[in-house]
mmCIF file of all heavy atoms, coordinates in Angstrom:
data_MODEL
# 
_entry.id   MODEL 
# 
loop_
_atom_site.group_PDB 
_atom_site.id 
_atom_site.type_symbol 
_atom_site.label_atom_id 
_atom_site.label_alt_id 
_atom_site.label_comp_id 
_atom_site.label_asym_id 
_atom_site.label_entity_id 
_atom_site.label_seq_id 
_atom_site.pdbx_PDB_ins_code 
_atom_site.Cartn_x 
_atom_site.Cartn_y 
_atom_site.Cartn_z 
_atom_site.occupancy 
_atom_site.B_iso_or_equiv 
_atom_site.pdbx_formal_charge 
_atom_site.auth_seq_id 
_atom_site.auth_comp_id 
_atom_site.auth_asym_id 
_atom_site.auth_atom_id 
_atom_site.pdbx_PDB_model_num 
ATOM 1   N N   . MET A 1 1  ? 75.281 -63.623 115.693 1.00 0.00 ? 1  MET A N   1 
ATOM 2   C CA  . MET A 1 1  ? 76.552 -64.253 115.649 1.00 0.00 ? 1  MET A CA  1 
ATOM 3   C C   . MET A 1 1  ? 77.641 -63.210 115.769 1.00 0.00 ? 1  MET A C   1 
ATOM 4   O O   . MET A 1 1  ? 78.612 -63.316 116.543 1.00 0.00 ? 1  MET A O   1 
ATOM 5   C CB  . MET A 1 1  ? 76.843 -65.023 114.225 1.00 0.00 ? 1  MET A CB  1 
ATOM 6   C CG  . MET A 1 1  ? 76.020 -66.154 114.025 1.00 0.00 ? 1  MET A CG  1 
ATOM 7   S SD  . MET A 1 1  ? 76.210 -67.484 115.237 1.00 0.00 ? 1  MET A SD  1 
ATOM 8   C CE  . MET A 1 1  ? 77.869 -68.098 114.730 1.00 0.00 ? 1  MET A CE  1 
ATOM 9   N N   . TYR A 1 2  ? 77.421 -62.163 115.177 1.00 0.00 ? 2  TYR A N   1 
ATOM 10  C CA  . TYR A 1 2  ? 78.465 -60.990 115.241 1.00 0.00 ? 2  TYR A CA  1 
ATOM 11  C C   . TYR A 1 2  ? 78.402 -60.377 116.604 1.00 0.00 ? 2  TYR A C   1 
ATOM 12  O O   . TYR A 1 2  ? 79.386 -60.021 117.236 1.00 0.00 ? 2  TYR A O   1 
ATOM 13  C CB  . TYR A 1 2  ? 78.086 -60.034 114.199 1.00 0.00 ? 2  TYR A CB  1 
ATOM 14  C CG  . TYR A 1 2  ? 79.175 -58.869 114.076 1.00 0.00 ? 2  TYR A CG  1 
ATOM 15  C CD1 . TYR A 1 2  ? 80.333 -59.211 113.309 1.00 0.00 ? 2  TYR A CD1 1 
ATOM 16  C CD2 . TYR A 1 2  ? 79.132 -57.712 114.806 1.00 0.00 ? 2  TYR A CD2 1 
ATOM 17  C CE1 . TYR A 1 2  ? 81.405 -58.233 113.270 1.00 0.00 ? 2  TYR A CE1 1 
ATOM 18  C CE2 . TYR A 1 2  ? 80.160 -56.737 114.736 1.00 0.00 ? 2  TYR A CE2 1 
ATOM 19  C CZ  . TYR A 1 2  ? 81.291 -57.009 113.994 1.00 0.00 ? 2  TYR A CZ  1 
ATOM 20  O OH  . TYR A 1 2  ? 82.358 -56.132 113.906 1.00 0.00 ? 2  TYR A OH  1 
ATOM 21  N N   . PHE A 1 3  ? 77.163 -60.196 117.232 1.00 0.00 ? 3  PHE A N   1 
ATOM 22  C CA  . PHE A 1 3  ? 77.075 -59.632 118.623 1.00 0.00 ? 3  PHE A CA  1 
ATOM 23  C C   . PHE A 1 3  ? 77.799 -60.532 119.646 1.00 0.00 ? 3  PHE A C   1 
ATOM 24  O O   . PHE A 1 3  ? 78.478 -59.844 120.472 1.00 0.00 ? 3  PHE A O   1 
ATOM 25  C CB  . PHE A 1 3  ? 75.522 -59.606 118.852 1.00 0.00 ? 3  PHE A CB  1 
ATOM 26  C CG  . PHE A 1 3  ? 75.231 -58.908 120.292 1.00 0.00 ? 3  PHE A CG  1 
ATOM 27  C CD1 . PHE A 1 3  ? 75.177 -57.668 120.499 1.00 0.00 ? 3  PHE A CD1 1 
ATOM 28  C CD2 . PHE A 1 3  ? 74.919 -59.824 121.347 1.00 0.00 ? 3  PHE A CD2 1 
ATOM 29  C CE1 . PHE A 1 3  ? 74.984 -57.192 121.875 1.00 0.00 ? 3  PHE A CE1 1 
ATOM 30  C CE2 . PHE A 1 3  ? 74.713 -59.456 122.641 1.00 0.00 ? 3  PHE A CE2 1 
ATOM 31  C CZ  . PHE A 1 3  ? 74.661 -58.040 122.806 1.00 0.00 ? 3  PHE A CZ  1 
ATOM 32  N N   . PHE A 1 4  ? 77.587 -61.827 119.537 1.00 0.00 ? 4  PHE A N   1 
ATOM 33  C CA  . PHE A 1 4  ? 78.317 -62.654 120.499 1.00 0.00 ? 4  PHE A CA  1 
ATOM 34  C C   . PHE A 1 4  ? 79.793 -62.530 120.386 1.00 0.00 ? 4  PHE A C   1 
ATOM 35  O O   . PHE A 1 4  ? 80.540 -62.682 121.314 1.00 0.00 ? 4  PHE A O   1 
ATOM 36  C CB  . PHE A 1 4  ? 77.812 -64.199 120.413 1.00 0.00 ? 4  PHE A CB  1 
ATOM 37  C CG  . PHE A 1 4  ? 76.356 -64.247 120.904 1.00 0.00 ? 4  PHE A CG  1 
ATOM 38  C CD1 . PHE A 1 4  ? 75.340 -64.821 120.218 1.00 0.00 ? 4  PHE A CD1 1 
ATOM 39  C CD2 . PHE A 1 4  ? 76.096 -63.727 122.222 1.00 0.00 ? 4  PHE A CD2 1 
ATOM 40  C CE1 . PHE A 1 4  ? 74.033 -64.873 120.645 1.00 0.00 ? 4  PHE A CE1 1 
ATOM 41  C CE2 . PHE A 1 4  ? 74.680 -63.848 122.747 1.00 0.00 ? 4  PHE A CE2 1 
ATOM 42  C CZ  . PHE A 1 4  ? 73.769 -64.380 121.964 1.00 0.00 ? 4  PHE A CZ  1 
ATOM 43  N N   . ALA A 1 5  ? 80.222 -62.470 119.083 1.00 0.00 ? 5  ALA A N   1 
ATOM 44  C CA  . ALA A 1 5  ? 81.643 -62.337 118.846 1.00 0.00 ? 5  ALA A CA  1 
ATOM 45  C C   . ALA A 1 5  ? 82.238 -60.919 119.313 1.00 0.00 ? 5  ALA A C   1 
ATOM 46  O O   . ALA A 1 5  ? 83.237 -60.722 119.855 1.00 0.00 ? 5  ALA A O   1 
ATOM 47  C CB  . ALA A 1 5  ? 82.062 -62.429 117.316 1.00 0.00 ? 5  ALA A CB  1 
ATOM 48  N N   . ASN A 1 6  ? 81.340 -59.830 119.068 1.00 0.00 ? 6  ASN A N   1 
ATOM 49  C CA  . ASN A 1 6  ? 81.835 -58.501 119.290 1.00 0.00 ? 6  ASN A CA  1 
ATOM 50  C C   . ASN A 1 6  ? 80.662 -57.538 119.513 1.00 0.00 ? 6  ASN A C   1 
ATOM 51  O O   . ASN A 1 6  ? 80.024 -57.013 118.531 1.00 0.00 ? 6  ASN A O   1 
ATOM 52  C CB  . ASN A 1 6  ? 82.673 -57.991 118.094 1.00 0.00 ? 6  ASN A CB  1 
ATOM 53  C CG  . ASN A 1 6  ? 83.185 -56.583 118.449 1.00 0.00 ? 6  ASN A CG  1 
ATOM 54  O OD1 . ASN A 1 6  ? 83.023 -56.115 119.578 1.00 0.00 ? 6  ASN A OD1 1 
ATOM 55  N ND2 . ASN A 1 6  ? 83.669 -55.873 117.441 1.00 0.00 ? 6  ASN A ND2 1 
ATOM 56  N N   . PRO A 1 7  ? 80.186 -57.493 120.785 1.00 0.00 ? 7  PRO A N   1 
ATOM 57  C CA  . PRO A 1 7  ? 78.950 -56.658 121.091 1.00 0.00 ? 7  PRO A CA  1 
ATOM 58  C C   . PRO A 1 7  ? 79.192 -55.155 121.061 1.00 0.00 ? 7  PRO A C   1 
ATOM 59  O O   . PRO A 1 7  ? 78.324 -54.356 121.089 1.00 0.00 ? 7  PRO A O   1 
ATOM 60  C CB  . PRO A 1 7  ? 78.585 -57.076 122.520 1.00 0.00 ? 7  PRO A CB  1 
ATOM 61  C CG  . PRO A 1 7  ? 79.878 -57.648 123.093 1.00 0.00 ? 7  PRO A CG  1 
ATOM 62  C CD  . PRO A 1 7  ? 80.750 -58.102 122.027 1.00 0.00 ? 7  PRO A CD  1 
ATOM 63  N N   . LYS A 1 8  ? 80.503 -54.746 120.939 1.00 0.00 ? 8  LYS A N   1 
ATOM 64  C CA  . LYS A 1 8  ? 80.790 -53.327 121.128 1.00 0.00 ? 8  LYS A CA  1 
ATOM 65  C C   . LYS A 1 8  ? 80.223 -52.407 120.100 1.00 0.00 ? 8  LYS A C   1 
ATOM 66  O O   . LYS A 1 8  ? 79.585 -51.397 120.425 1.00 0.00 ? 8  LYS A O   1 
ATOM 67  C CB  . LYS A 1 8  ? 82.427 -53.060 120.904 1.00 0.00 ? 8  LYS A CB  1 
ATOM 68  C CG  . LYS A 1 8  ? 83.084 -53.216 122.303 1.00 0.00 ? 8  LYS A CG  1 
ATOM 69  C CD  . LYS A 1 8  ? 83.088 -51.862 122.923 1.00 0.00 ? 8  LYS A CD  1 
ATOM 70  C CE  . LYS A 1 8  ? 83.973 -51.538 124.088 1.00 0.00 ? 8  LYS A CE  1 
ATOM 71  N NZ  . LYS A 1 8  ? 84.299 -52.327 125.133 1.00 0.00 ? 8  LYS A NZ  1 
ATOM 72  N N   . PRO A 1 9  ? 80.133 -52.774 118.743 1.00 0.00 ? 9  PRO A N   1 
ATOM 73  C CA  . PRO A 1 9  ? 79.421 -51.906 117.781 1.00 0.00 ? 9  PRO A CA  1 
ATOM 74  C C   . PRO A 1 9  ? 78.048 -51.660 118.053 1.00 0.00 ? 9  PRO A C   1 
ATOM 75  O O   . PRO A 1 9  ? 77.445 -50.680 117.976 1.00 0.00 ? 9  PRO A O   1 
ATOM 76  C CB  . PRO A 1 9  ? 79.646 -52.679 116.504 1.00 0.00 ? 9  PRO A CB  1 
ATOM 77  C CG  . PRO A 1 9  ? 80.789 -53.525 116.552 1.00 0.00 ? 9  PRO A CG  1 
ATOM 78  C CD  . PRO A 1 9  ? 80.773 -53.898 118.073 1.00 0.00 ? 9  PRO A CD  1 
ATOM 79  N N   . PHE A 1 10 ? 77.323 -52.806 118.433 1.00 0.00 ? 10 PHE A N   1 
ATOM 80  C CA  . PHE A 1 10 ? 75.905 -52.672 118.784 1.00 0.00 ? 10 PHE A CA  1 
ATOM 81  C C   . PHE A 1 10 ? 75.731 -51.680 119.975 1.00 0.00 ? 10 PHE A C   1 
ATOM 82  O O   . PHE A 1 10 ? 74.751 -50.753 119.936 1.00 0.00 ? 10 PHE A O   1 
ATOM 83  C CB  . PHE A 1 10 ? 75.264 -53.957 119.152 1.00 0.00 ? 10 PHE A CB  1 
ATOM 84  C CG  . PHE A 1 10 ? 73.823 -53.775 119.589 1.00 0.00 ? 10 PHE A CG  1 
ATOM 85  C CD1 . PHE A 1 10 ? 72.825 -53.486 118.883 1.00 0.00 ? 10 PHE A CD1 1 
ATOM 86  C CD2 . PHE A 1 10 ? 73.650 -53.807 121.062 1.00 0.00 ? 10 PHE A CD2 1 
ATOM 87  C CE1 . PHE A 1 10 ? 71.511 -53.277 119.319 1.00 0.00 ? 10 PHE A CE1 1 
ATOM 88  C CE2 . PHE A 1 10 ? 72.232 -53.561 121.565 1.00 0.00 ? 10 PHE A CE2 1 
ATOM 89  C CZ  . PHE A 1 10 ? 71.229 -53.296 120.658 1.00 0.00 ? 10 PHE A CZ  1 
ATOM 90  N N   . PHE A 1 11 ? 76.525 -51.740 120.962 1.00 0.00 ? 11 PHE A N   1 
ATOM 91  C CA  . PHE A 1 11 ? 76.410 -50.772 122.065 1.00 0.00 ? 11 PHE A CA  1 
ATOM 92  C C   . PHE A 1 11 ? 76.804 -49.339 121.747 1.00 0.00 ? 11 PHE A C   1 
ATOM 93  O O   . PHE A 1 11 ? 76.373 -48.395 122.407 1.00 0.00 ? 11 PHE A O   1 
ATOM 94  C CB  . PHE A 1 11 ? 77.103 -51.369 123.325 1.00 0.00 ? 11 PHE A CB  1 
ATOM 95  C CG  . PHE A 1 11 ? 76.293 -52.496 124.059 1.00 0.00 ? 11 PHE A CG  1 
ATOM 96  C CD1 . PHE A 1 11 ? 76.780 -53.810 123.942 1.00 0.00 ? 11 PHE A CD1 1 
ATOM 97  C CD2 . PHE A 1 11 ? 75.079 -52.194 124.664 1.00 0.00 ? 11 PHE A CD2 1 
ATOM 98  C CE1 . PHE A 1 11 ? 75.945 -54.820 124.336 1.00 0.00 ? 11 PHE A CE1 1 
ATOM 99  C CE2 . PHE A 1 11 ? 74.362 -53.299 125.198 1.00 0.00 ? 11 PHE A CE2 1 
ATOM 100 C CZ  . PHE A 1 11 ? 74.742 -54.508 125.032 1.00 0.00 ? 11 PHE A CZ  1 
ATOM 101 N N   . THR A 1 12 ? 77.584 -49.180 120.750 1.00 0.00 ? 12 THR A N   1 
ATOM 102 C CA  . THR A 1 12 ? 77.859 -47.849 120.228 1.00 0.00 ? 12 THR A CA  1 
ATOM 103 C C   . THR A 1 12 ? 76.592 -47.176 119.671 1.00 0.00 ? 12 THR A C   1 
ATOM 104 O O   . THR A 1 12 ? 76.310 -46.009 119.993 1.00 0.00 ? 12 THR A O   1 
ATOM 105 C CB  . THR A 1 12 ? 79.046 -47.938 119.054 1.00 0.00 ? 12 THR A CB  1 
ATOM 106 O OG1 . THR A 1 12 ? 80.133 -48.591 119.677 1.00 0.00 ? 12 THR A OG1 1 
ATOM 107 C CG2 . THR A 1 12 ? 79.275 -46.539 118.629 1.00 0.00 ? 12 THR A CG2 1 
ATOM 108 N N   . LEU A 1 13 ? 75.866 -48.011 118.933 1.00 0.00 ? 13 LEU A N   1 
ATOM 109 C CA  . LEU A 1 13 ? 74.557 -47.631 118.409 1.00 0.00 ? 13 LEU A CA  1 
ATOM 110 C C   . LEU A 1 13 ? 73.650 -47.318 119.531 1.00 0.00 ? 13 LEU A C   1 
ATOM 111 O O   . LEU A 1 13 ? 72.858 -46.473 119.610 1.00 0.00 ? 13 LEU A O   1 
ATOM 112 C CB  . LEU A 1 13 ? 74.099 -48.699 117.459 1.00 0.00 ? 13 LEU A CB  1 
ATOM 113 C CG  . LEU A 1 13 ? 72.601 -48.365 116.873 1.00 0.00 ? 13 LEU A CG  1 
ATOM 114 C CD1 . LEU A 1 13 ? 72.709 -47.524 115.696 1.00 0.00 ? 13 LEU A CD1 1 
ATOM 115 C CD2 . LEU A 1 13 ? 71.836 -49.701 116.571 1.00 0.00 ? 13 LEU A CD2 1 
ATOM 116 N N   . ALA A 1 14 ? 73.673 -48.336 120.491 1.00 0.00 ? 14 ALA A N   1 
ATOM 117 C CA  . ALA A 1 14 ? 72.785 -48.237 121.636 1.00 0.00 ? 14 ALA A CA  1 
ATOM 118 C C   . ALA A 1 14 ? 72.974 -46.882 122.442 1.00 0.00 ? 14 ALA A C   1 
ATOM 119 O O   . ALA A 1 14 ? 71.933 -46.273 122.813 1.00 0.00 ? 14 ALA A O   1 
ATOM 120 C CB  . ALA A 1 14 ? 72.873 -49.459 122.516 1.00 0.00 ? 14 ALA A CB  1 
ATOM 121 N N   . LYS A 1 15 ? 74.122 -46.569 122.631 1.00 0.00 ? 15 LYS A N   1 
ATOM 122 C CA  . LYS A 1 15 ? 74.505 -45.262 123.296 1.00 0.00 ? 15 LYS A CA  1 
ATOM 123 C C   . LYS A 1 15 ? 73.925 -44.074 122.678 1.00 0.00 ? 15 LYS A C   1 
ATOM 124 O O   . LYS A 1 15 ? 73.318 -43.208 123.355 1.00 0.00 ? 15 LYS A O   1 
ATOM 125 C CB  . LYS A 1 15 ? 75.990 -45.127 123.438 1.00 0.00 ? 15 LYS A CB  1 
ATOM 126 C CG  . LYS A 1 15 ? 76.454 -43.910 124.218 1.00 0.00 ? 15 LYS A CG  1 
ATOM 127 C CD  . LYS A 1 15 ? 77.979 -43.785 124.244 1.00 0.00 ? 15 LYS A CD  1 
ATOM 128 C CE  . LYS A 1 15 ? 78.405 -42.602 125.080 1.00 0.00 ? 15 LYS A CE  1 
ATOM 129 N NZ  . LYS A 1 15 ? 79.893 -42.499 125.061 1.00 0.00 ? 15 LYS A NZ  1 
ATOM 130 N N   . GLU A 1 16 ? 73.944 -44.051 121.253 1.00 0.00 ? 16 GLU A N   1 
ATOM 131 C CA  . GLU A 1 16 ? 73.418 -43.102 120.600 1.00 0.00 ? 16 GLU A CA  1 
ATOM 132 C C   . GLU A 1 16 ? 71.773 -42.918 120.637 1.00 0.00 ? 16 GLU A C   1 
ATOM 133 O O   . GLU A 1 16 ? 71.245 -41.918 120.725 1.00 0.00 ? 16 GLU A O   1 
ATOM 134 C CB  . GLU A 1 16 ? 73.882 -43.149 119.071 1.00 0.00 ? 16 GLU A CB  1 
ATOM 135 C CG  . GLU A 1 16 ? 73.275 -42.148 118.128 1.00 0.00 ? 16 GLU A CG  1 
ATOM 136 C CD  . GLU A 1 16 ? 74.037 -40.993 118.288 1.00 0.00 ? 16 GLU A CD  1 
ATOM 137 O OE1 . GLU A 1 16 ? 75.390 -40.869 118.343 1.00 0.00 ? 16 GLU A OE1 1 
ATOM 138 O OE2 . GLU A 1 16 ? 73.448 -39.850 118.186 1.00 0.00 ? 16 GLU A OE2 1 
ATOM 139 N N   . LEU A 1 17 ? 71.229 -44.120 120.646 1.00 0.00 ? 17 LEU A N   1 
ATOM 140 C CA  . LEU A 1 17 ? 69.738 -44.266 120.568 1.00 0.00 ? 17 LEU A CA  1 
ATOM 141 C C   . LEU A 1 17 ? 69.076 -44.352 121.828 1.00 0.00 ? 17 LEU A C   1 
ATOM 142 O O   . LEU A 1 17 ? 67.860 -44.352 122.026 1.00 0.00 ? 17 LEU A O   1 
ATOM 143 C CB  . LEU A 1 17 ? 69.238 -45.361 119.671 1.00 0.00 ? 17 LEU A CB  1 
ATOM 144 C CG  . LEU A 1 17 ? 69.598 -45.326 118.183 1.00 0.00 ? 17 LEU A CG  1 
ATOM 145 C CD1 . LEU A 1 17 ? 68.983 -46.417 117.431 1.00 0.00 ? 17 LEU A CD1 1 
ATOM 146 C CD2 . LEU A 1 17 ? 69.085 -43.941 117.633 1.00 0.00 ? 17 LEU A CD2 1 
ATOM 147 N N   . TYR A 1 18 ? 69.804 -44.514 122.923 1.00 0.00 ? 18 TYR A N   1 
ATOM 148 C CA  . TYR A 1 18 ? 69.298 -44.789 124.318 1.00 0.00 ? 18 TYR A CA  1 
ATOM 149 C C   . TYR A 1 18 ? 68.280 -43.746 124.615 1.00 0.00 ? 18 TYR A C   1 
ATOM 150 O O   . TYR A 1 18 ? 68.557 -42.532 124.322 1.00 0.00 ? 18 TYR A O   1 
ATOM 151 C CB  . TYR A 1 18 ? 70.418 -44.855 125.290 1.00 0.00 ? 18 TYR A CB  1 
ATOM 152 C CG  . TYR A 1 18 ? 70.220 -46.152 126.218 1.00 0.00 ? 18 TYR A CG  1 
ATOM 153 C CD1 . TYR A 1 18 ? 70.442 -47.427 125.530 1.00 0.00 ? 18 TYR A CD1 1 
ATOM 154 C CD2 . TYR A 1 18 ? 69.800 -46.020 127.513 1.00 0.00 ? 18 TYR A CD2 1 
ATOM 155 C CE1 . TYR A 1 18 ? 70.308 -48.522 126.402 1.00 0.00 ? 18 TYR A CE1 1 
ATOM 156 C CE2 . TYR A 1 18 ? 69.630 -47.222 128.315 1.00 0.00 ? 18 TYR A CE2 1 
ATOM 157 C CZ  . TYR A 1 18 ? 69.980 -48.393 127.645 1.00 0.00 ? 18 TYR A CZ  1 
ATOM 158 O OH  . TYR A 1 18 ? 69.750 -49.583 128.510 1.00 0.00 ? 18 TYR A OH  1 
ATOM 159 N N   . PRO A 1 19 ? 67.158 -44.016 125.173 1.00 0.00 ? 19 PRO A N   1 
ATOM 160 C CA  . PRO A 1 19 ? 66.140 -43.015 125.535 1.00 0.00 ? 19 PRO A CA  1 
ATOM 161 C C   . PRO A 1 19 ? 66.834 -41.806 126.350 1.00 0.00 ? 19 PRO A C   1 
ATOM 162 O O   . PRO A 1 19 ? 67.534 -42.014 127.132 1.00 0.00 ? 19 PRO A O   1 
ATOM 163 C CB  . PRO A 1 19 ? 65.140 -43.708 126.314 1.00 0.00 ? 19 PRO A CB  1 
ATOM 164 C CG  . PRO A 1 19 ? 65.216 -45.183 125.837 1.00 0.00 ? 19 PRO A CG  1 
ATOM 165 C CD  . PRO A 1 19 ? 66.698 -45.371 125.575 1.00 0.00 ? 19 PRO A CD  1 
ATOM 166 N N   . GLY A 1 20 ? 66.361 -40.612 125.868 1.00 0.00 ? 20 GLY A N   1 
ATOM 167 C CA  . GLY A 1 20 ? 66.835 -39.522 126.529 1.00 0.00 ? 20 GLY A CA  1 
ATOM 168 C C   . GLY A 1 20 ? 67.763 -38.656 125.732 1.00 0.00 ? 20 GLY A C   1 
ATOM 169 O O   . GLY A 1 20 ? 67.958 -37.364 126.032 1.00 0.00 ? 20 GLY A O   1 
ATOM 170 N N   . ASN A 1 21 ? 68.312 -39.069 124.524 1.00 0.00 ? 21 ASN A N   1 
ATOM 171 C CA  . ASN A 1 21 ? 69.179 -38.306 123.698 1.00 0.00 ? 21 ASN A CA  1 
ATOM 172 C C   . ASN A 1 21 ? 68.340 -37.545 122.698 1.00 0.00 ? 21 ASN A C   1 
ATOM 173 O O   . ASN A 1 21 ? 68.915 -36.481 122.206 1.00 0.00 ? 21 ASN A O   1 
ATOM 174 C CB  . ASN A 1 21 ? 70.141 -39.303 122.976 1.00 0.00 ? 21 ASN A CB  1 
ATOM 175 C CG  . ASN A 1 21 ? 71.226 -39.850 123.801 1.00 0.00 ? 21 ASN A CG  1 
ATOM 176 O OD1 . ASN A 1 21 ? 71.408 -39.331 125.000 1.00 0.00 ? 21 ASN A OD1 1 
ATOM 177 N ND2 . ASN A 1 21 ? 71.851 -40.854 123.428 1.00 0.00 ? 21 ASN A ND2 1 
ATOM 178 N N   . TYR A 1 22 ? 67.248 -37.925 122.351 1.00 0.00 ? 22 TYR A N   1 
ATOM 179 C CA  . TYR A 1 22 ? 66.442 -37.256 121.368 1.00 0.00 ? 22 TYR A CA  1 
ATOM 180 C C   . TYR A 1 22 ? 65.045 -36.922 121.701 1.00 0.00 ? 22 TYR A C   1 
ATOM 181 O O   . TYR A 1 22 ? 64.581 -37.601 122.759 1.00 0.00 ? 22 TYR A O   1 
ATOM 182 C CB  . TYR A 1 22 ? 66.374 -38.072 120.007 1.00 0.00 ? 22 TYR A CB  1 
ATOM 183 C CG  . TYR A 1 22 ? 67.825 -38.286 119.414 1.00 0.00 ? 22 TYR A CG  1 
ATOM 184 C CD1 . TYR A 1 22 ? 68.564 -39.393 119.722 1.00 0.00 ? 22 TYR A CD1 1 
ATOM 185 C CD2 . TYR A 1 22 ? 68.234 -37.314 118.569 1.00 0.00 ? 22 TYR A CD2 1 
ATOM 186 C CE1 . TYR A 1 22 ? 69.726 -39.568 119.137 1.00 0.00 ? 22 TYR A CE1 1 
ATOM 187 C CE2 . TYR A 1 22 ? 69.537 -37.469 117.955 1.00 0.00 ? 22 TYR A CE2 1 
ATOM 188 C CZ  . TYR A 1 22 ? 70.273 -38.564 118.287 1.00 0.00 ? 22 TYR A CZ  1 
ATOM 189 O OH  . TYR A 1 22 ? 71.573 -38.596 117.644 1.00 0.00 ? 22 TYR A OH  1 
ATOM 190 N N   . ARG A 1 23 ? 64.431 -36.041 121.094 1.00 0.00 ? 23 ARG A N   1 
ATOM 191 C CA  . ARG A 1 23 ? 63.001 -35.621 121.464 1.00 0.00 ? 23 ARG A CA  1 
ATOM 192 C C   . ARG A 1 23 ? 62.023 -36.017 120.296 1.00 0.00 ? 23 ARG A C   1 
ATOM 193 O O   . ARG A 1 23 ? 62.335 -35.800 119.141 1.00 0.00 ? 23 ARG A O   1 
ATOM 194 C CB  . ARG A 1 23 ? 63.025 -34.225 121.813 1.00 0.00 ? 23 ARG A CB  1 
ATOM 195 C CG  . ARG A 1 23 ? 63.677 -34.002 123.129 1.00 0.00 ? 23 ARG A CG  1 
ATOM 196 C CD  . ARG A 1 23 ? 63.435 -32.556 123.560 1.00 0.00 ? 23 ARG A CD  1 
ATOM 197 N NE  . ARG A 1 23 ? 63.988 -32.396 124.965 1.00 0.00 ? 23 ARG A NE  1 
ATOM 198 C CZ  . ARG A 1 23 ? 63.610 -31.292 125.667 1.00 0.00 ? 23 ARG A CZ  1 
ATOM 199 N NH1 . ARG A 1 23 ? 62.813 -30.328 125.161 1.00 0.00 ? 23 ARG A NH1 1 
ATOM 200 N NH2 . ARG A 1 23 ? 64.017 -31.122 126.902 1.00 0.00 ? 23 ARG A NH2 1 
ATOM 201 N N   . PRO A 1 24 ? 60.809 -36.204 120.728 1.00 0.00 ? 24 PRO A N   1 
ATOM 202 C CA  . PRO A 1 24 ? 59.718 -36.507 119.609 1.00 0.00 ? 24 PRO A CA  1 
ATOM 203 C C   . PRO A 1 24 ? 59.527 -35.182 118.864 1.00 0.00 ? 24 PRO A C   1 
ATOM 204 O O   . PRO A 1 24 ? 59.873 -34.055 119.303 1.00 0.00 ? 24 PRO A O   1 
ATOM 205 C CB  . PRO A 1 24 ? 58.543 -36.820 120.446 1.00 0.00 ? 24 PRO A CB  1 
ATOM 206 C CG  . PRO A 1 24 ? 59.060 -37.120 121.818 1.00 0.00 ? 24 PRO A CG  1 
ATOM 207 C CD  . PRO A 1 24 ? 60.193 -36.352 122.012 1.00 0.00 ? 24 PRO A CD  1 
ATOM 208 N N   . ASN A 1 25 ? 58.980 -35.352 117.675 1.00 0.00 ? 25 ASN A N   1 
ATOM 209 C CA  . ASN A 1 25 ? 58.768 -34.218 116.780 1.00 0.00 ? 25 ASN A CA  1 
ATOM 210 C C   . ASN A 1 25 ? 57.160 -34.126 116.459 1.00 0.00 ? 25 ASN A C   1 
ATOM 211 O O   . ASN A 1 25 ? 56.386 -34.866 116.990 1.00 0.00 ? 25 ASN A O   1 
ATOM 212 C CB  . ASN A 1 25 ? 59.607 -34.194 115.572 1.00 0.00 ? 25 ASN A CB  1 
ATOM 213 C CG  . ASN A 1 25 ? 59.116 -35.402 114.662 1.00 0.00 ? 25 ASN A CG  1 
ATOM 214 O OD1 . ASN A 1 25 ? 58.112 -35.532 114.270 1.00 0.00 ? 25 ASN A OD1 1 
ATOM 215 N ND2 . ASN A 1 25 ? 60.287 -36.244 114.497 1.00 0.00 ? 25 ASN A ND2 1 
# 
């Protein structure tokens, strides 16, 4: 419900977690 009203916060998180930003340990 929140995503459909305002998807911006989710995509802020997505930008941070998108594959390529971090490496396995």
